[in-house]
Amino acid sequence: KRYGAPMNDLIQEAGLGLMKAADKFDPD
């Protein structure tokens, strides 16, 4: 938040990163 970006946008980007992680995660 200290970088001045809207919190909602930061959460959106964090969610997108989480989605990418889920898509590429190898449980093995």
PDB file of all heavy atoms in Angstrom:
ATOM      1  N   LYS A   1       0.814  -1.219   0.000  1.00  0.00           N
ATOM      2  CA  LYS A   1       0.000   0.000   0.000  1.00  0.00           C
ATOM      3  C   LYS A   1       0.844   1.264   0.000  1.00  0.00           C
ATOM      4  O   LYS A   1       0.411   2.306  -0.486  1.00  0.00           O
ATOM      5  CB  LYS A   1      -0.940   0.009   1.214  1.00  0.00           C
ATOM      6  CG  LYS A   1      -2.079  -0.976   1.148  1.00  0.00           C
ATOM      7  CD  LYS A   1      -3.153  -0.666   2.161  1.00  0.00           C
ATOM      8  CE  LYS A   1      -2.601  -0.753   3.568  1.00  0.00           C
ATOM      9  NZ  LYS A   1      -3.659  -0.518   4.587  1.00  0.00           N
ATOM     10  N   ARG A   2       2.058   1.179   0.535  1.00  0.00           N
ATOM     11  CA  ARG A   2       2.890   2.379   0.638  1.00  0.00           C
ATOM     12  C   ARG A   2       3.312   2.923  -0.718  1.00  0.00           C
ATOM     13  O   ARG A   2       3.804   4.052  -0.808  1.00  0.00           O
ATOM     14  CB  ARG A   2       4.139   2.084   1.480  1.00  0.00           C
ATOM     15  CG  ARG A   2       5.091   1.064   0.867  1.00  0.00           C
ATOM     16  CD  ARG A   2       6.272   0.813   1.818  1.00  0.00           C
ATOM     17  NE  ARG A   2       7.252  -0.113   1.280  1.00  0.00           N
ATOM     18  CZ  ARG A   2       7.170  -1.429   1.384  1.00  0.00           C
ATOM     19  NH1 ARG A   2       6.106  -1.972   1.974  1.00  0.00           N
ATOM     20  NH2 ARG A   2       8.113  -2.217   0.887  1.00  0.00           N
ATOM     21  N   TYR A   3       3.123   2.158  -1.772  1.00  0.00           N
ATOM     22  CA  TYR A   3       3.493   2.635  -3.105  1.00  0.00           C
ATOM     23  C   TYR A   3       2.376   3.465  -3.744  1.00  0.00           C
ATOM     24  O   TYR A   3       2.516   3.903  -4.888  1.00  0.00           O
ATOM     25  CB  TYR A   3       3.859   1.456  -4.005  1.00  0.00           C
ATOM     26  CG  TYR A   3       5.116   0.754  -3.542  1.00  0.00           C
ATOM     27  CD1 TYR A   3       5.040  -0.460  -2.877  1.00  0.00           C
ATOM     28  CD2 TYR A   3       6.376   1.321  -3.742  1.00  0.00           C
ATOM     29  CE1 TYR A   3       6.184  -1.110  -2.433  1.00  0.00           C
ATOM     30  CE2 TYR A   3       7.526   0.688  -3.296  1.00  0.00           C
ATOM     31  CZ  TYR A   3       7.432  -0.528  -2.642  1.00  0.00           C
ATOM     32  OH  TYR A   3       8.559  -1.159  -2.198  1.00  0.00           O
ATOM     33  N   GLY A   4       1.279   3.657  -3.023  1.00  0.00           N
ATOM     34  CA  GLY A   4       0.239   4.566  -3.488  1.00  0.00           C
ATOM     35  C   GLY A   4      -0.814   3.959  -4.387  1.00  0.00           C
ATOM     36  O   GLY A   4      -1.709   4.673  -4.849  1.00  0.00           O
ATOM     37  N   ALA A   5      -0.740   2.658  -4.671  1.00  0.00           N
ATOM     38  CA  ALA A   5      -1.738   2.021  -5.538  1.00  0.00           C
ATOM     39  C   ALA A   5      -3.008   1.733  -4.745  1.00  0.00           C
ATOM     40  O   ALA A   5      -2.947   1.456  -3.544  1.00  0.00           O
ATOM     41  CB  ALA A   5      -1.184   0.729  -6.122  1.00  0.00           C
ATOM     42  N   PRO A   6      -4.182   1.794  -5.395  1.00  0.00           N
ATOM     43  CA  PRO A   6      -5.438   1.481  -4.698  1.00  0.00           C
ATOM     44  C   PRO A   6      -5.412   0.051  -4.155  1.00  0.00           C
ATOM     45  O   PRO A   6      -4.967  -0.875  -4.846  1.00  0.00           O
ATOM     46  CB  PRO A   6      -6.500   1.648  -5.800  1.00  0.00           C
ATOM     47  CG  PRO A   6      -5.864   2.548  -6.807  1.00  0.00           C
ATOM     48  CD  PRO A   6      -4.406   2.217  -6.788  1.00  0.00           C
ATOM     49  N   MET A   7      -5.877  -0.133  -2.950  1.00  0.00           N
ATOM     50  CA  MET A   7      -5.841  -1.444  -2.322  1.00  0.00           C
ATOM     51  C   MET A   7      -6.629  -2.472  -3.124  1.00  0.00           C
ATOM     52  O   MET A   7      -6.228  -3.634  -3.254  1.00  0.00           O
ATOM     53  CB  MET A   7      -6.399  -1.349  -0.893  1.00  0.00           C
ATOM     54  CG  MET A   7      -6.294  -2.634  -0.096  1.00  0.00           C
ATOM     55  SD  MET A   7      -4.582  -3.176   0.094  1.00  0.00           S
ATOM     56  CE  MET A   7      -4.834  -4.790   0.850  1.00  0.00           C
ATOM     57  N   ASN A   8      -7.742  -2.052  -3.693  1.00  0.00           N
ATOM     58  CA  ASN A   8      -8.554  -2.985  -4.465  1.00  0.00           C
ATOM     59  C   ASN A   8      -7.792  -3.504  -5.690  1.00  0.00           C
ATOM     60  O   ASN A   8      -7.887  -4.677  -6.054  1.00  0.00           O
ATOM     61  CB  ASN A   8      -9.861  -2.321  -4.906  1.00  0.00           C
ATOM     62  CG  ASN A   8     -10.929  -3.330  -5.273  1.00  0.00           C
ATOM     63  OD1 ASN A   8     -11.139  -4.301  -4.552  1.00  0.00           O
ATOM     64  ND2 ASN A   8     -11.592  -3.104  -6.390  1.00  0.00           N
ATOM     65  N   ASP A   9      -6.996  -2.619  -6.311  1.00  0.00           N
ATOM     66  CA  ASP A   9      -6.196  -3.036  -7.462  1.00  0.00           C
ATOM     67  C   ASP A   9      -5.085  -3.989  -7.031  1.00  0.00           C
ATOM     68  O   ASP A   9      -4.767  -4.954  -7.740  1.00  0.00           O
ATOM     69  CB  ASP A   9      -5.589  -1.814  -8.152  1.00  0.00           C
ATOM     70  CG  ASP A   9      -6.634  -0.979  -8.873  1.00  0.00           C
ATOM     71  OD1 ASP A   9      -7.775  -1.465  -9.015  1.00  0.00           O
ATOM     72  OD2 ASP A   9      -6.323   0.157  -9.277  1.00  0.00           O
ATOM     73  N   LEU A  10      -4.487  -3.706  -5.883  1.00  0.00           N
ATOM     74  CA  LEU A  10      -3.441  -4.588  -5.376  1.00  0.00           C
ATOM     75  C   LEU A  10      -3.998  -5.980  -5.082  1.00  0.00           C
ATOM     76  O   LEU A  10      -3.361  -6.996  -5.371  1.00  0.00           O
ATOM     77  CB  LEU A  10      -2.821  -3.991  -4.109  1.00  0.00           C
ATOM     78  CG  LEU A  10      -1.995  -2.715  -4.294  1.00  0.00           C
ATOM     79  CD1 LEU A  10      -1.600  -2.142  -2.925  1.00  0.00           C
ATOM     80  CD2 LEU A  10      -0.757  -2.982  -5.132  1.00  0.00           C
ATOM     81  N   ILE A  11      -5.187  -6.017  -4.505  1.00  0.00           N
ATOM     82  CA  ILE A  11      -5.819  -7.310  -4.218  1.00  0.00           C
ATOM     83  C   ILE A  11      -6.139  -8.043  -5.512  1.00  0.00           C
ATOM     84  O   ILE A  11      -5.974  -9.265  -5.627  1.00  0.00           O
ATOM     85  CB  ILE A  11      -7.095  -7.110  -3.375  1.00  0.00           C
ATOM     86  CG1 ILE A  11      -6.732  -6.587  -1.979  1.00  0.00           C
ATOM     87  CG2 ILE A  11      -7.877  -8.407  -3.261  1.00  0.00           C
ATOM     88  CD1 ILE A  11      -7.923  -6.262  -1.113  1.00  0.00           C
ATOM     89  N   GLN A  12      -6.598  -7.299  -6.510  1.00  0.00           N
ATOM     90  CA  GLN A  12      -6.899  -7.900  -7.817  1.00  0.00           C
ATOM     91  C   GLN A  12      -5.647  -8.556  -8.393  1.00  0.00           C
ATOM     92  O   GLN A  12      -5.683  -9.693  -8.861  1.00  0.00           O
ATOM     93  CB  GLN A  12      -7.412  -6.829  -8.770  1.00  0.00           C
ATOM     94  CG  GLN A  12      -7.680  -7.324 -10.192  1.00  0.00           C
ATOM     95  CD  GLN A  12      -8.969  -8.099 -10.300  1.00  0.00           C
ATOM     96  OE1 GLN A  12      -9.986  -7.711  -9.719  1.00  0.00           O
ATOM     97  NE2 GLN A  12      -8.950  -9.187 -11.043  1.00  0.00           N
ATOM     98  N   GLU A  13      -4.524  -7.839  -8.353  1.00  0.00           N
ATOM     99  CA  GLU A  13      -3.281  -8.386  -8.887  1.00  0.00           C
ATOM    100  C   GLU A  13      -2.801  -9.572  -8.053  1.00  0.00           C
ATOM    101  O   GLU A  13      -2.285 -10.546  -8.603  1.00  0.00           O
ATOM    102  CB  GLU A  13      -2.199  -7.302  -8.918  1.00  0.00           C
ATOM    103  CG  GLU A  13      -2.476  -6.182  -9.909  1.00  0.00           C
ATOM    104  CD  GLU A  13      -2.569  -6.683 -11.341  1.00  0.00           C
ATOM    105  OE1 GLU A  13      -1.789  -7.591 -11.714  1.00  0.00           O
ATOM    106  OE2 GLU A  13      -3.414  -6.171 -12.087  1.00  0.00           O
ATOM    107  N   ALA A  14      -2.965  -9.485  -6.749  1.00  0.00           N
ATOM    108  CA  ALA A  14      -2.590 -10.603  -5.884  1.00  0.00           C
ATOM    109  C   ALA A  14      -3.427 -11.834  -6.215  1.00  0.00           C
ATOM    110  O   ALA A  14      -2.921 -12.963  -6.251  1.00  0.00           O
ATOM    111  CB  ALA A  14      -2.769 -10.215  -4.420  1.00  0.00           C
ATOM    112  N   GLY A  15      -4.721 -11.602  -6.478  1.00  0.00           N
ATOM    113  CA  GLY A  15      -5.591 -12.708  -6.854  1.00  0.00           C
ATOM    114  C   GLY A  15      -5.190 -13.339  -8.171  1.00  0.00           C
ATOM    115  O   GLY A  15      -5.240 -14.568  -8.338  1.00  0.00           O
ATOM    116  N   LEU A  16      -4.773 -12.503  -9.121  1.00  0.00           N
ATOM    117  CA  LEU A  16      -4.319 -13.033 -10.413  1.00  0.00           C
ATOM    118  C   LEU A  16      -3.054 -13.869 -10.234  1.00  0.00           C
ATOM    119  O   LEU A  16      -2.884 -14.914 -10.867  1.00  0.00           O
ATOM    120  CB  LEU A  16      -4.060 -11.883 -11.384  1.00  0.00           C
ATOM    121  CG  LEU A  16      -5.300 -11.108 -11.839  1.00  0.00           C
ATOM    122  CD1 LEU A  16      -4.891  -9.913 -12.700  1.00  0.00           C
ATOM    123  CD2 LEU A  16      -6.243 -12.015 -12.628  1.00  0.00           C
ATOM    124  N   GLY A  17      -2.151 -13.395  -9.364  1.00  0.00           N
ATOM    125  CA  GLY A  17      -0.951 -14.176  -9.085  1.00  0.00           C
ATOM    126  C   GLY A  17      -1.289 -15.510  -8.442  1.00  0.00           C
ATOM    127  O   GLY A  17      -0.675 -16.535  -8.747  1.00  0.00           O
ATOM    128  N   LEU A  18      -2.278 -15.498  -7.555  1.00  0.00           N
ATOM    129  CA  LEU A  18      -2.730 -16.723  -6.906  1.00  0.00           C
ATOM    130  C   LEU A  18      -3.311 -17.698  -7.928  1.00  0.00           C
ATOM    131  O   LEU A  18      -3.071 -18.912  -7.866  1.00  0.00           O
ATOM    132  CB  LEU A  18      -3.774 -16.384  -5.845  1.00  0.00           C
ATOM    133  CG  LEU A  18      -4.358 -17.547  -5.035  1.00  0.00           C
ATOM    134  CD1 LEU A  18      -3.257 -18.256  -4.252  1.00  0.00           C
ATOM    135  CD2 LEU A  18      -5.426 -17.023  -4.074  1.00  0.00           C
ATOM    136  N   MET A  19      -4.065 -17.173  -8.887  1.00  0.00           N
ATOM    137  CA  MET A  19      -4.628 -18.008  -9.946  1.00  0.00           C
ATOM    138  C   MET A  19      -3.526 -18.643 -10.796  1.00  0.00           C
ATOM    139  O   MET A  19      -3.585 -19.820 -11.152  1.00  0.00           O
ATOM    140  CB  MET A  19      -5.549 -17.167 -10.834  1.00  0.00           C
ATOM    141  CG  MET A  19      -6.817 -16.705 -10.172  1.00  0.00           C
ATOM    142  SD  MET A  19      -8.015 -18.038 -10.001  1.00  0.00           S
ATOM    143  CE  MET A  19      -8.469 -18.274 -11.722  1.00  0.00           C
ATOM    144  N   LYS A  20      -2.501 -17.856 -11.128  1.00  0.00           N
ATOM    145  CA  LYS A  20      -1.385 -18.394 -11.907  1.00  0.00           C
ATOM    146  C   LYS A  20      -0.668 -19.495 -11.138  1.00  0.00           C
ATOM    147  O   LYS A  20      -0.264 -20.512 -11.708  1.00  0.00           O
ATOM    148  CB  LYS A  20      -0.408 -17.271 -12.253  1.00  0.00           C
ATOM    149  CG  LYS A  20      -0.947 -16.264 -13.249  1.00  0.00           C
ATOM    150  CD  LYS A  20       0.071 -15.155 -13.511  1.00  0.00           C
ATOM    151  CE  LYS A  20      -0.483 -14.112 -14.466  1.00  0.00           C
ATOM    152  NZ  LYS A  20       0.487 -12.986 -14.672  1.00  0.00           N
ATOM    153  N   ALA A  21      -0.506 -19.272  -9.843  1.00  0.00           N
ATOM    154  CA  ALA A  21       0.154 -20.277  -9.011  1.00  0.00           C
ATOM    155  C   ALA A  21      -0.639 -21.579  -9.006  1.00  0.00           C
ATOM    156  O   ALA A  21      -0.071 -22.668  -9.132  1.00  0.00           O
ATOM    157  CB  ALA A  21       0.317 -19.738  -7.588  1.00  0.00           C
ATOM    158  N   ALA A  22      -1.959 -21.467  -8.868  1.00  0.00           N
ATOM    159  CA  ALA A  22      -2.807 -22.660  -8.855  1.00  0.00           C
ATOM    160  C   ALA A  22      -2.740 -23.397 -10.185  1.00  0.00           C
ATOM    161  O   ALA A  22      -2.757 -24.634 -10.233  1.00  0.00           O
ATOM    162  CB  ALA A  22      -4.252 -22.264  -8.532  1.00  0.00           C
ATOM    163  N   ASP A  23      -2.657 -22.649 -11.262  1.00  0.00           N
ATOM    164  CA  ASP A  23      -2.631 -23.267 -12.584  1.00  0.00           C
ATOM    165  C   ASP A  23      -1.310 -23.985 -12.857  1.00  0.00           C
ATOM    166  O   ASP A  23      -1.271 -24.982 -13.569  1.00  0.00           O
ATOM    167  CB  ASP A  23      -2.869 -22.203 -13.658  1.00  0.00           C
ATOM    168  CG  ASP A  23      -3.117 -22.808 -15.024  1.00  0.00           C
ATOM    169  OD1 ASP A  23      -3.942 -23.741 -15.114  1.00  0.00           O
ATOM    170  OD2 ASP A  23      -2.484 -22.366 -15.995  1.00  0.00           O
ATOM    171  N   LYS A  24      -0.207 -23.478 -12.285  1.00  0.00           N
ATOM    172  CA  LYS A  24       1.112 -24.038 -12.562  1.00  0.00           C
ATOM    173  C   LYS A  24       1.629 -24.952 -11.460  1.00  0.00           C
ATOM    174  O   LYS A  24       2.692 -25.553 -11.600  1.00  0.00           O
ATOM    175  CB  LYS A  24       2.113 -22.895 -12.797  1.00  0.00           C
ATOM    176  CG  LYS A  24       1.802 -22.067 -14.037  1.00  0.00           C
ATOM    177  CD  LYS A  24       2.820 -20.951 -14.231  1.00  0.00           C
ATOM    178  CE  LYS A  24       2.542 -20.160 -15.489  1.00  0.00           C
ATOM    179  NZ  LYS A  24       2.753 -20.954 -16.706  1.00  0.00           N
ATOM    180  N   PHE A  25       0.907 -25.067 -10.381  1.00  0.00           N
ATOM    181  CA  PHE A  25       1.370 -25.852  -9.237  1.00  0.00           C
ATOM    182  C   PHE A  25       1.430 -27.339  -9.570  1.00  0.00           C
ATOM    183  O   PHE A  25       0.511 -27.913 -10.139  1.00  0.00           O
ATOM    184  CB  PHE A  25       0.433 -25.622  -8.053  1.00  0.00           C
ATOM    185  CG  PHE A  25       0.816 -26.378  -6.814  1.00  0.00           C
ATOM    186  CD1 PHE A  25       2.029 -26.144  -6.200  1.00  0.00           C
ATOM    187  CD2 PHE A  25      -0.040 -27.321  -6.269  1.00  0.00           C
ATOM    188  CE1 PHE A  25       2.392 -26.836  -5.054  1.00  0.00           C
ATOM    189  CE2 PHE A  25       0.304 -28.013  -5.119  1.00  0.00           C
ATOM    190  CZ  PHE A  25       1.519 -27.767  -4.507  1.00  0.00           C
ATOM    191  N   ASP A  26       2.558 -27.958  -9.207  1.00  0.00           N
ATOM    192  CA  ASP A  26       2.741 -29.390  -9.420  1.00  0.00           C
ATOM    193  C   ASP A  26       2.717 -30.087  -8.064  1.00  0.00           C
ATOM    194  O   ASP A  26       3.698 -30.022  -7.311  1.00  0.00           O
ATOM    195  CB  ASP A  26       4.076 -29.656 -10.123  1.00  0.00           C
ATOM    196  CG  ASP A  26       4.271 -31.127 -10.445  1.00  0.00           C
ATOM    197  OD1 ASP A  26       3.391 -31.943 -10.096  1.00  0.00           O
ATOM    198  OD2 ASP A  26       5.306 -31.476 -11.059  1.00  0.00           O
ATOM    199  N   PRO A  27       1.621 -30.779  -7.725  1.00  0.00           N
ATOM    200  CA  PRO A  27       1.516 -31.419  -6.402  1.00  0.00           C
ATOM    201  C   PRO A  27       2.508 -32.561  -6.195  1.00  0.00           C
ATOM    202  O   PRO A  27       2.735 -32.987  -5.061  1.00  0.00           O
ATOM    203  CB  PRO A  27       0.063 -31.927  -6.373  1.00  0.00           C
ATOM    204  CG  PRO A  27      -0.329 -32.051  -7.807  1.00  0.00           C
ATOM    205  CD  PRO A  27       0.398 -30.970  -8.533  1.00  0.00           C
ATOM    206  N   ASP A  28       3.115 -33.046  -7.266  1.00  0.00           N
ATOM    207  CA  ASP A  28       4.063 -34.154  -7.133  1.00  0.00           C
ATOM    208  C   ASP A  28       5.396 -33.721  -6.529  1.00  0.00           C
ATOM    209  O   ASP A  28       6.220 -34.560  -6.156  1.00  0.00           O
ATOM    210  CB  ASP A  28       4.331 -34.796  -8.500  1.00  0.00           C
ATOM    211  CG  ASP A  28       3.115 -35.565  -9.014  1.00  0.00           C
ATOM    212  OD1 ASP A  28       2.363 -36.081  -8.170  1.00  0.00           O
ATOM    213  OD2 ASP A  28       2.924 -35.627 -10.238  1.00  0.00           O
TER     214      ASP A  28
END
